[in-house]
Amino acid sequence: MSKFLKVISLCSILLLATGCWDSRTITDKTLVNGISFDLDQEKKIEVNALILDIIGKGAGIFDFQSETVDSKGVSVSEASMHLQSFLPGDITTSKTKIILLGEEFSKTKITHILSTFRRRPFSNLNVAVVITNKQAAKNVLKLKTVGTKPLSVILNQTIKNAEFISIAQQIQLFNIFTYNSEEGIDFTLPVVDVTPTERVEVTGAGLMHNGSYTGHFISSEQSPLLLMMMGQYGSTGNFITKLPKKYEPPYNILSYNIIRPKNTLTVSTSKDKIEVNLKVKANVSIDGLSTLKFLGEDEMWSIINKDLNKRAQEVIKEIQLANSDVLGIGRYLKEHHPEKWRKLNWEKEYPTIKIKPKVVVTILSTGVIGKETQFEE
């Protein structure tokens, strides 16, 4: 083909190609970067939105300003429509980084109330969802930040770090809708609180049941153990075990992390009872020891093994008290013993069944700890 024909062909293609005739720049949009939901005294839904105003400065440089706006309604849709009546530009939740649920709001059927996000086009279903501990979610959303990062970005990064160190389950909005559609398994949501210095910290894993918050949460010290038993462990997890009474404080702390744990769930049924055995293999790497006395590897193993098994029983007691089947025992019964499952009233049965956790500890590394690095009395 001659060069002339090639040029003619390219020009024809360019003329016929569809252009972005309806595109709008990001500076023309009203970006909802964070949202909080609360219930007021009249049981109306109070929505607070963190609006990010992108300001173009030319040469590809942008600045931003943020403000919070609020609205109320009998539903999320009504409150959102009211927001749209006074906010300029094309409002979009496609860049939303965080959804905060006040404690009272989270005790409702949140999946039904938040279903508006699933039905709207361009909504971000990969957004993190968290519960605020014993306070209105709007109080957290209105915190002032230090530095250039928007609050929603800081909160999102805080949650991601909590997931990495196994304080919080890796879960997003679309996962919540998935869990709600399946019978016999519950989930957890991160619970956050505000420190005296007005920073947000993840204090634990909130126990959900049938799509609602139970009001119970597993503390950040215990939640890595819960996530191990759930099979939802992150990349690593930090643990601290206190040594026996013969080791006086502050020289009585053993710190370690657990890498790549594996869990095995087995459920046995009989005519009148259900028994659950949960085995967790924990690979331990020691990273700190404050004792002045030499502590051998066998003694470390014994202390850690005893402590983790005791704590595992405490976690099991708490999740049964909350009636939160985060281990998926009901789903296991439904899949492996369907006839038994159909006859069960799982709501009443689950808190009473016998769950036996067993943590099997293997010490992979004691780090640089040895006789030469521990002081003899």
Protein backbone atom coordinates (compact mmCIF):
# COMPACT_ATOMS: atom_id res chain seq x y z
CA MET A 1 0.00 0.00 0.00
CA SER A 2 1.35 3.45 -0.93
CA LYS A 3 2.00 6.14 1.65
CA PHE A 4 -0.84 8.22 0.17
CA LEU A 5 -3.40 5.44 0.75
CA LYS A 6 -2.13 4.87 4.27
CA VAL A 7 -2.63 8.55 5.10
CA ILE A 8 -6.15 8.53 3.61
CA SER A 9 -7.05 5.39 5.61
CA LEU A 10 -5.78 6.86 8.89
CA CYS A 11 -7.69 10.10 8.33
CA SER A 12 -10.90 8.15 7.63
CA ILE A 13 -10.48 6.15 10.83
CA LEU A 14 -9.92 9.31 12.89
CA LEU A 15 -13.07 10.91 11.44
CA LEU A 16 -15.19 7.85 12.23
CA ALA A 17 -13.70 7.16 15.70
CA THR A 18 -15.89 8.00 18.71
CA GLY A 19 -14.61 10.89 20.77
CA CYS A 20 -15.12 11.64 24.46
CA TRP A 21 -17.73 14.27 23.74
CA ASP A 22 -19.37 13.95 27.17
CA SER A 23 -16.23 13.78 29.33
CA ARG A 24 -15.82 16.13 32.29
CA THR A 25 -12.63 17.01 34.11
CA ILE A 26 -12.16 16.02 37.76
CA THR A 27 -12.23 19.70 38.76
CA ASP A 28 -15.87 19.88 37.56
CA LYS A 29 -16.99 17.12 39.93
CA THR A 30 -17.96 17.19 43.60
CA LEU A 31 -16.00 14.30 45.09
CA VAL A 32 -17.48 12.60 48.15
CA ASN A 33 -14.26 11.32 49.74
CA GLY A 34 -15.74 10.04 52.99
CA ILE A 35 -19.23 9.40 54.40
CA SER A 36 -20.59 8.85 57.91
CA PHE A 37 -23.98 7.46 58.94
CA ASP A 38 -25.68 7.97 62.29
CA LEU A 39 -29.14 7.61 63.81
CA ASP A 40 -30.62 10.63 65.55
CA GLN A 41 -33.08 10.52 68.47
CA GLU A 42 -36.00 10.27 66.06
CA LYS A 43 -34.35 7.28 64.31
CA LYS A 44 -33.74 9.35 61.20
CA ILE A 45 -30.57 8.69 59.25
CA GLU A 46 -28.01 11.48 59.51
CA VAL A 47 -25.53 11.54 56.64
CA ASN A 48 -22.32 13.56 56.79
CA ALA A 49 -20.19 13.79 53.66
CA LEU A 50 -16.57 14.85 53.42
CA ILE A 51 -16.38 16.85 50.18
CA LEU A 52 -13.04 17.16 48.44
CA ASP A 53 -12.76 20.21 46.19
CA ILE A 54 -10.01 19.71 43.61
CA ILE A 55 -8.47 23.03 42.53
CA GLY A 56 -6.49 23.02 39.30
CA LYS A 57 -3.42 25.27 39.31
CA GLY A 58 -2.22 24.50 35.80
CA ALA A 59 0.67 22.41 34.50
CA GLY A 60 -0.90 19.29 35.99
CA ILE A 61 -0.70 20.69 39.55
CA PHE A 62 -3.71 20.38 41.86
CA ASP A 63 -4.58 21.56 45.34
CA PHE A 64 -7.57 20.57 47.45
CA GLN A 65 -9.90 21.91 50.09
CA SER A 66 -12.23 19.77 52.17
CA GLU A 67 -15.45 20.48 54.02
CA THR A 68 -18.17 18.41 55.65
CA VAL A 69 -21.84 18.78 54.81
CA ASP A 70 -24.76 17.03 56.48
CA SER A 71 -28.31 15.97 55.77
CA LYS A 72 -31.08 13.90 57.36
CA GLY A 73 -33.79 11.65 56.00
CA VAL A 74 -35.83 8.55 56.66
CA SER A 75 -33.57 6.72 54.20
CA VAL A 76 -30.08 7.08 52.75
CA SER A 77 -31.62 7.98 49.38
CA GLU A 78 -33.70 10.82 50.84
CA ALA A 79 -30.72 12.25 52.73
CA SER A 80 -28.55 11.97 49.60
CA MET A 81 -31.15 13.77 47.48
CA HIS A 82 -31.16 16.63 49.97
CA LEU A 83 -27.36 16.88 49.71
CA GLN A 84 -27.61 17.05 45.92
CA SER A 85 -30.00 20.00 46.17
CA PHE A 86 -27.34 22.38 47.51
CA LEU A 87 -23.98 20.94 46.40
CA PRO A 88 -22.52 22.24 43.12
CA GLY A 89 -21.18 20.11 40.30
CA ASP A 90 -21.64 16.45 39.47
CA ILE A 91 -21.68 14.59 42.83
CA THR A 92 -19.86 11.26 42.69
CA THR A 93 -19.00 8.54 45.24
CA SER A 94 -16.60 6.80 42.84
CA LYS A 95 -13.62 8.13 44.85
CA THR A 96 -15.01 7.48 48.33
CA LYS A 97 -12.25 6.12 50.59
CA ILE A 98 -14.07 5.43 53.86
CA ILE A 99 -17.57 4.77 55.23
CA LEU A 100 -17.99 5.38 58.96
CA LEU A 101 -20.93 3.84 60.82
CA GLY A 102 -22.00 5.19 64.19
CA GLU A 103 -22.48 2.45 66.78
CA GLU A 104 -26.27 2.85 66.95
CA PHE A 105 -26.56 2.92 63.16
CA SER A 106 -24.37 -0.19 62.81
CA LYS A 107 -26.82 -2.15 64.98
CA THR A 108 -29.48 -1.81 62.25
CA LYS A 109 -29.70 -3.99 59.14
CA ILE A 110 -26.92 -2.02 57.47
CA THR A 111 -26.84 -4.05 54.26
CA HIS A 112 -30.43 -3.11 53.46
CA ILE A 113 -29.88 0.56 54.31
CA LEU A 114 -26.62 0.80 52.34
CA SER A 115 -27.98 -1.06 49.32
CA THR A 116 -28.26 2.29 47.53
CA PHE A 117 -24.49 2.11 46.94
CA ARG A 118 -24.88 -1.20 45.13
CA ARG A 119 -27.62 0.10 42.87
CA ARG A 120 -26.00 3.38 41.82
CA PRO A 121 -23.63 3.43 38.85
CA PHE A 122 -20.03 4.46 39.53
CA SER A 123 -20.26 3.87 43.30
CA ASN A 124 -17.05 2.60 44.87
CA LEU A 125 -17.84 -0.85 46.28
CA ASN A 126 -14.19 -1.36 47.26
CA VAL A 127 -14.51 1.21 50.03
CA ALA A 128 -13.51 0.37 53.63
CA VAL A 129 -16.36 0.25 56.18
CA VAL A 130 -15.70 0.82 59.89
CA ILE A 131 -17.67 1.23 63.13
CA THR A 132 -17.04 4.11 65.55
CA ASN A 133 -16.85 2.98 69.18
CA LYS A 134 -19.52 4.47 71.47
CA GLN A 135 -19.79 7.73 69.58
CA ALA A 136 -21.34 9.32 66.54
CA ALA A 137 -19.49 8.65 63.31
CA LYS A 138 -19.78 12.32 62.32
CA ASN A 139 -17.44 13.26 65.19
CA VAL A 140 -14.67 11.22 63.59
CA LEU A 141 -15.34 12.57 60.09
CA LYS A 142 -15.01 16.16 61.35
CA LEU A 143 -11.58 15.70 62.95
CA LYS A 144 -8.91 18.15 61.83
CA THR A 145 -5.84 16.78 60.11
CA VAL A 146 -2.18 17.74 60.29
CA GLY A 147 -0.34 17.85 56.97
CA THR A 148 -1.58 17.74 53.41
CA LYS A 149 -3.43 14.40 53.32
CA PRO A 150 -7.25 14.46 53.44
CA LEU A 151 -8.77 12.79 56.52
CA SER A 152 -10.41 10.09 54.40
CA VAL A 153 -7.03 9.05 52.97
CA ILE A 154 -5.49 8.91 56.47
CA LEU A 155 -8.39 6.76 57.73
CA ASN A 156 -8.16 4.44 54.73
CA GLN A 157 -4.42 3.95 55.25
CA THR A 158 -4.98 3.32 58.97
CA ILE A 159 -7.43 0.53 58.14
CA LYS A 160 -5.08 -0.99 55.57
CA ASN A 161 -2.29 -1.09 58.14
CA ALA A 162 -4.65 -2.74 60.67
CA GLU A 163 -5.45 -5.39 58.04
CA PHE A 164 -1.74 -5.93 57.36
CA ILE A 165 -0.93 -6.59 61.03
CA SER A 166 -4.11 -8.69 61.52
CA ILE A 167 -6.05 -6.38 63.82
CA ALA A 168 -8.87 -6.03 61.28
CA GLN A 169 -10.37 -8.42 58.74
CA GLN A 170 -9.74 -7.53 55.11
CA ILE A 171 -13.27 -6.55 54.14
CA GLN A 172 -14.89 -3.97 51.88
CA LEU A 173 -18.43 -2.90 51.09
CA PHE A 174 -19.01 -5.47 48.34
CA ASN A 175 -17.84 -8.25 50.74
CA ILE A 176 -20.53 -7.20 53.20
CA PHE A 177 -23.23 -7.67 50.57
CA THR A 178 -21.75 -11.10 49.75
CA TYR A 179 -21.73 -12.22 53.39
CA ASN A 180 -25.29 -11.03 53.85
CA SER A 181 -26.48 -13.20 50.97
CA GLU A 182 -25.07 -16.38 52.55
CA GLU A 183 -26.57 -18.20 55.50
CA GLY A 184 -24.44 -19.68 58.27
CA ILE A 185 -21.51 -17.28 58.43
CA ASP A 186 -20.91 -13.85 59.95
CA PHE A 187 -18.05 -11.36 59.63
CA THR A 188 -16.22 -8.61 61.50
CA LEU A 189 -15.76 -4.89 60.87
CA PRO A 190 -12.97 -2.68 62.22
CA VAL A 191 -13.90 -0.67 65.31
CA VAL A 192 -12.18 2.71 65.63
CA ASP A 193 -11.85 5.22 68.44
CA VAL A 194 -10.38 8.69 68.86
CA THR A 195 -7.29 9.06 71.06
CA PRO A 196 -6.80 12.00 73.48
CA THR A 197 -4.52 13.55 70.83
CA GLU A 198 -7.39 13.36 68.29
CA ARG A 199 -5.93 10.59 66.20
CA VAL A 200 -7.96 7.63 65.01
CA GLU A 201 -6.89 4.14 66.11
CA VAL A 202 -8.31 0.70 65.39
CA THR A 203 -9.32 -0.76 68.76
CA GLY A 204 -10.50 -4.16 67.58
CA ALA A 205 -12.76 -6.30 65.41
CA GLY A 206 -16.51 -5.71 65.74
CA LEU A 207 -18.59 -8.91 65.76
CA MET A 208 -21.49 -8.88 63.29
CA HIS A 209 -24.55 -11.12 63.21
CA ASN A 210 -27.11 -11.27 60.40
CA GLY A 211 -25.72 -8.03 58.96
CA SER A 212 -25.90 -6.04 62.21
CA TYR A 213 -23.32 -5.07 64.84
CA THR A 214 -23.77 -7.05 68.05
CA GLY A 215 -22.17 -4.41 70.28
CA HIS A 216 -19.33 -6.82 71.09
CA PHE A 217 -15.83 -6.48 69.72
CA ILE A 218 -12.58 -8.40 70.12
CA SER A 219 -9.79 -6.09 71.30
CA SER A 220 -6.77 -5.33 69.14
CA GLU A 221 -4.66 -7.56 71.44
CA GLN A 222 -6.93 -10.55 70.79
CA SER A 223 -8.14 -9.92 67.23
CA PRO A 224 -5.05 -11.40 65.50
CA LEU A 225 -5.87 -14.67 67.26
CA LEU A 226 -9.49 -14.44 66.13
CA LEU A 227 -8.43 -13.82 62.52
CA MET A 228 -6.13 -16.85 62.70
CA MET A 229 -9.08 -19.02 63.72
CA MET A 230 -11.24 -17.47 60.99
CA GLY A 231 -8.64 -18.06 58.28
CA GLN A 232 -8.58 -14.28 57.67
CA TYR A 233 -5.09 -13.53 58.98
CA GLY A 234 -3.12 -10.69 57.42
CA SER A 235 0.55 -10.63 56.48
CA THR A 236 1.76 -10.64 60.07
CA GLY A 237 0.61 -10.10 63.64
CA ASN A 238 2.23 -8.82 66.81
CA PHE A 239 1.77 -10.67 70.09
CA ILE A 240 2.88 -10.05 73.68
CA THR A 241 2.90 -12.73 76.38
CA LYS A 242 3.65 -12.01 80.02
CA LEU A 243 6.09 -14.39 81.67
CA PRO A 244 5.19 -16.31 84.89
CA LYS A 245 5.12 -14.56 88.27
CA LYS A 246 8.73 -15.45 89.11
CA TYR A 247 9.75 -12.90 86.45
CA GLU A 248 9.12 -9.48 87.96
CA PRO A 249 7.96 -6.49 85.85
CA PRO A 250 9.16 -4.81 83.76
CA TYR A 251 11.41 -7.80 82.99
CA ASN A 252 8.55 -10.17 82.20
CA ILE A 253 7.60 -9.50 78.56
CA LEU A 254 7.99 -11.86 75.61
CA SER A 255 7.06 -10.36 72.23
CA TYR A 256 6.78 -12.21 68.93
CA ASN A 257 4.99 -12.31 65.62
CA ILE A 258 3.17 -15.16 63.92
CA ILE A 259 3.70 -15.92 60.25
CA ARG A 260 1.45 -17.86 57.83
CA PRO A 261 -0.83 -19.65 60.35
CA LYS A 262 -3.06 -22.46 59.11
CA ASN A 263 -6.40 -23.52 60.57
CA THR A 264 -8.43 -26.72 60.28
CA LEU A 265 -12.12 -26.85 61.23
CA THR A 266 -13.91 -30.16 61.83
CA VAL A 267 -17.50 -30.55 63.01
CA SER A 268 -18.97 -33.78 64.39
CA THR A 269 -22.70 -34.25 64.88
CA SER A 270 -24.81 -36.71 66.82
CA LYS A 271 -28.48 -36.90 67.66
CA ASP A 272 -28.31 -34.40 70.51
CA LYS A 273 -25.09 -32.40 70.18
CA ILE A 274 -22.65 -30.66 67.87
CA GLU A 275 -18.95 -30.59 68.65
CA VAL A 276 -16.42 -28.39 66.87
CA ASN A 277 -12.65 -28.88 66.84
CA LEU A 278 -10.56 -25.98 65.58
CA LYS A 279 -6.84 -26.54 65.15
CA VAL A 280 -4.49 -23.64 64.41
CA LYS A 281 -0.84 -24.08 63.49
CA ALA A 282 1.09 -20.97 64.56
CA ASN A 283 4.62 -20.31 63.30
CA VAL A 284 6.31 -18.05 65.85
CA SER A 285 9.26 -15.72 65.42
CA ILE A 286 10.56 -14.19 68.67
CA ASP A 287 11.48 -10.52 68.37
CA GLY A 288 11.77 -9.31 71.96
CA LEU A 289 12.50 -10.58 75.46
CA SER A 290 12.90 -8.29 78.48
CA THR A 291 13.85 -10.82 81.16
CA LEU A 292 17.21 -10.62 82.93
CA LYS A 293 17.27 -14.39 83.29
CA PHE A 294 18.17 -16.76 80.50
CA LEU A 295 15.08 -18.31 78.93
CA GLY A 296 15.54 -21.46 76.85
CA GLU A 297 13.60 -22.19 73.67
CA ASP A 298 11.65 -25.04 75.28
CA GLU A 299 10.49 -22.77 78.09
CA MET A 300 9.55 -20.04 75.58
CA TRP A 301 7.50 -22.60 73.64
CA SER A 302 5.70 -23.77 76.77
CA ILE A 303 4.84 -20.23 77.91
CA ILE A 304 3.61 -19.11 74.46
CA ASN A 305 1.65 -22.31 73.83
CA LYS A 306 -0.15 -22.08 77.19
CA ASP A 307 -0.94 -18.37 76.74
CA LEU A 308 -2.29 -18.65 73.17
CA ASN A 309 -4.53 -21.60 74.03
CA LYS A 310 -5.94 -19.77 77.03
CA ARG A 311 -6.61 -16.68 74.94
CA ALA A 312 -8.20 -18.76 72.16
CA GLN A 313 -10.75 -20.08 74.65
CA GLU A 314 -11.52 -16.52 75.77
CA VAL A 315 -12.12 -15.44 72.16
CA ILE A 316 -14.43 -18.41 71.53
CA LYS A 317 -16.42 -17.52 74.64
CA GLU A 318 -16.83 -13.94 73.42
CA ILE A 319 -17.99 -14.77 69.89
CA GLN A 320 -20.55 -17.25 71.25
CA LEU A 321 -21.77 -14.66 73.75
CA ALA A 322 -22.27 -12.28 70.81
CA ASN A 323 -23.97 -15.08 68.79
CA SER A 324 -21.60 -14.24 65.93
CA ASP A 325 -20.66 -17.24 63.80
CA VAL A 326 -17.51 -15.68 62.32
CA LEU A 327 -15.88 -19.13 62.12
CA GLY A 328 -18.48 -20.25 59.56
CA ILE A 329 -19.56 -23.33 61.53
CA GLY A 330 -23.11 -22.96 60.23
CA ARG A 331 -21.86 -22.87 56.63
CA TYR A 332 -19.78 -26.01 57.30
CA LEU A 333 -22.89 -27.80 58.61
CA LYS A 334 -24.96 -26.60 55.66
CA GLU A 335 -22.41 -27.97 53.19
CA HIS A 336 -21.39 -31.23 54.95
CA HIS A 337 -24.50 -32.10 56.98
CA PRO A 338 -27.44 -30.54 55.08
CA GLU A 339 -30.13 -32.72 56.68
CA LYS A 340 -28.92 -31.83 60.17
CA TRP A 341 -28.70 -28.14 59.20
CA ARG A 342 -32.31 -27.99 58.00
CA LYS A 343 -33.53 -29.23 61.40
CA LEU A 344 -31.48 -26.76 63.43
CA ASN A 345 -32.55 -23.46 64.93
CA TRP A 346 -29.03 -22.05 64.52
CA GLU A 347 -29.91 -18.80 66.26
CA LYS A 348 -30.51 -20.70 69.51
CA GLU A 349 -28.13 -23.61 68.91
CA TYR A 350 -24.90 -21.76 68.09
CA PRO A 351 -24.27 -20.11 71.52
CA THR A 352 -24.55 -23.50 73.25
CA ILE A 353 -22.40 -25.78 71.06
CA LYS A 354 -18.99 -26.97 72.25
CA ILE A 355 -16.09 -25.37 70.36
CA LYS A 356 -12.62 -26.69 71.21
CA PRO A 357 -9.78 -24.51 69.93
CA LYS A 358 -6.22 -25.85 69.91
CA VAL A 359 -3.22 -23.73 68.99
CA VAL A 360 -0.11 -25.71 67.99
CA VAL A 361 3.00 -23.54 68.33
CA THR A 362 6.19 -23.97 66.33
CA ILE A 363 9.08 -21.60 67.04
CA LEU A 364 10.77 -20.80 63.74
CA SER A 365 13.26 -18.29 65.07
CA THR A 366 14.41 -16.82 68.35
CA GLY A 367 16.10 -13.94 66.53
CA VAL A 368 19.39 -12.85 68.06
CA ILE A 369 18.29 -14.05 71.49
CA GLY A 370 20.82 -16.42 73.03
CA LYS A 371 22.89 -16.93 76.13
CA GLU A 372 25.24 -14.16 75.07
CA THR A 373 22.43 -11.60 74.76
CA GLN A 374 20.58 -12.40 77.99
CA PHE A 375 21.99 -11.32 81.32
CA GLU A 376 22.52 -13.84 84.06
CA GLU A 377 21.68 -12.78 87.59
